[in-house]
Amino acid sequence: MDLTKAFDTISVEVLRRIMEKFGCPGKSISMVHQFHDGMLARVLDDGDSFNAFPVTNRVNQIFVLAPTLFSMKFSAMLSVTFCEYEETSIKIRYRTGRLFNLWRLQAKTKAEEDSV
């Protein structure tokens, strides 16, 4: 399964509903929505440029929150997939602060673990 292509097929409206379900603040949802509002694409073929058209089903990959939005969408997909299996859960280890320091997740006392 090509996860990049799967993420490109999500509409901004579906993404908004997923963010609401995860409890994201309205201001954050609005920011993501505004970033994608009015997004246009143009096809180039051998140097020829065609008319621009609106993009409705794509999350811009250069958007700084794209990895976070992808994680939310993927988690929502897993929740729907495994909702009938109450015993099945996915453990996620996390720790607040210093987002990109992966060594902090090694500490057993300060890292927390939740089941999704």
Protein backbone atom coordinates (compact mmCIF):
# COMPACT_ATOMS: atom_id res chain seq x y z
CA MET A 1 0.00 0.00 0.00
CA ASP A 2 1.43 3.34 -1.05
CA LEU A 3 0.67 5.54 1.95
CA THR A 4 1.69 8.72 0.13
CA LYS A 5 -0.95 8.13 -2.52
CA ALA A 6 -3.51 7.18 0.12
CA PHE A 7 -2.92 10.49 1.88
CA ASP A 8 -3.23 12.41 -1.39
CA THR A 9 -6.80 11.18 -1.81
CA ILE A 10 -8.17 12.69 1.41
CA SER A 11 -10.44 15.70 1.07
CA VAL A 12 -9.97 18.74 3.27
CA GLU A 13 -13.52 18.28 4.59
CA VAL A 14 -12.79 14.72 5.77
CA LEU A 15 -9.56 15.95 7.34
CA ARG A 16 -11.53 18.64 9.20
CA ARG A 17 -13.91 16.02 10.62
CA ILE A 18 -11.00 13.82 11.71
CA MET A 19 -9.36 16.78 13.45
CA GLU A 20 -12.63 17.57 15.25
CA LYS A 21 -12.93 13.95 16.37
CA PHE A 22 -9.42 14.09 17.85
CA GLY A 23 -10.34 17.27 19.74
CA CYS A 24 -8.20 19.75 17.84
CA PRO A 25 -9.00 23.39 18.65
CA GLY A 26 -11.17 25.23 16.16
CA LYS A 27 -8.39 27.71 15.49
CA SER A 28 -6.05 24.91 14.37
CA ILE A 29 -8.71 23.37 12.15
CA SER A 30 -9.39 26.77 10.61
CA MET A 31 -5.66 27.31 9.97
CA VAL A 32 -5.35 23.98 8.11
CA HIS A 33 -8.52 24.72 6.15
CA GLN A 34 -7.28 28.20 5.17
CA PHE A 35 -3.94 26.80 4.01
CA HIS A 36 -5.75 24.53 1.54
CA ASP A 37 -8.48 27.01 0.53
CA GLY A 38 -7.90 28.30 -2.97
CA MET A 39 -5.05 25.86 -3.70
CA LEU A 40 -4.60 25.59 -7.48
CA ALA A 41 -2.62 23.22 -9.68
CA ARG A 42 -1.39 23.64 -13.21
CA VAL A 43 -0.36 20.92 -15.66
CA LEU A 44 2.89 21.38 -17.59
CA ASP A 45 3.41 19.26 -20.69
CA ASP A 46 6.65 19.65 -22.61
CA GLY A 47 6.90 23.29 -21.59
CA ASP A 48 3.25 24.07 -22.37
CA SER A 49 1.20 25.30 -19.43
CA PHE A 50 -2.51 24.54 -19.15
CA ASN A 51 -5.19 26.42 -17.20
CA ALA A 52 -5.05 26.19 -13.42
CA PHE A 53 -7.69 24.11 -11.65
CA PRO A 54 -8.72 23.87 -7.98
CA VAL A 55 -7.25 21.08 -5.84
CA THR A 56 -9.88 19.49 -3.62
CA ASN A 57 -8.48 16.08 -2.62
CA ARG A 58 -4.90 16.55 -1.58
CA VAL A 59 -2.88 17.57 1.44
CA ASN A 60 0.07 19.70 0.41
CA GLN A 61 3.18 17.65 1.25
CA ILE A 62 5.28 20.75 2.00
CA PHE A 63 2.82 21.81 4.71
CA VAL A 64 4.66 21.63 8.03
CA LEU A 65 1.76 19.81 9.70
CA ALA A 66 1.44 17.17 6.94
CA PRO A 67 3.11 14.40 9.01
CA THR A 68 0.84 15.13 11.99
CA LEU A 69 -2.26 15.22 9.80
CA PHE A 70 -1.18 11.96 8.18
CA SER A 71 -0.78 10.35 11.62
CA MET A 72 -4.28 11.47 12.59
CA LYS A 73 -5.77 10.11 9.37
CA PHE A 74 -3.90 6.81 9.70
CA SER A 75 -4.98 6.47 13.33
CA ALA A 76 -8.60 7.11 12.33
CA MET A 77 -8.30 4.42 9.64
CA LEU A 78 -6.94 1.94 12.19
CA SER A 79 -9.70 2.83 14.66
CA VAL A 80 -12.35 2.08 12.06
CA THR A 81 -10.58 -1.10 10.99
CA PHE A 82 -10.16 -2.52 14.49
CA CYS A 83 -13.33 -1.16 16.12
CA GLU A 84 -14.92 -4.63 16.23
CA TYR A 85 -11.91 -6.09 18.04
CA GLU A 86 -12.01 -4.70 21.57
CA GLU A 87 -8.96 -6.68 22.68
CA THR A 88 -6.84 -5.39 19.82
CA SER A 89 -5.10 -2.12 20.50
CA ILE A 90 -2.03 -0.30 19.34
CA LYS A 91 0.28 1.05 22.00
CA ILE A 92 1.73 4.48 21.35
CA ARG A 93 4.62 5.73 23.47
CA TYR A 94 4.93 9.49 23.75
CA ARG A 95 6.52 12.22 25.78
CA THR A 96 5.91 15.95 25.73
CA GLY A 97 8.63 18.48 24.95
CA ARG A 98 11.62 18.28 22.61
CA LEU A 99 9.64 16.78 19.78
CA PHE A 100 12.54 15.55 17.64
CA ASN A 101 14.70 14.02 20.38
CA LEU A 102 13.85 10.32 19.97
CA TRP A 103 16.16 9.28 22.82
CA ARG A 104 13.62 10.75 25.26
CA LEU A 105 11.22 7.92 24.39
CA GLN A 106 13.72 5.39 25.77
CA ALA A 107 13.19 6.52 29.37
CA LYS A 108 10.72 4.13 30.99
CA THR A 109 9.83 6.51 33.83
CA LYS A 110 9.08 9.68 31.87
CA ALA A 111 7.55 8.33 28.66
CA GLU A 112 3.83 7.58 28.72
CA GLU A 113 2.00 4.89 26.81
CA ASP A 114 -1.59 4.89 25.57
CA SER A 115 -3.58 2.33 23.67
CA VAL A 116 -5.44 3.35 20.55
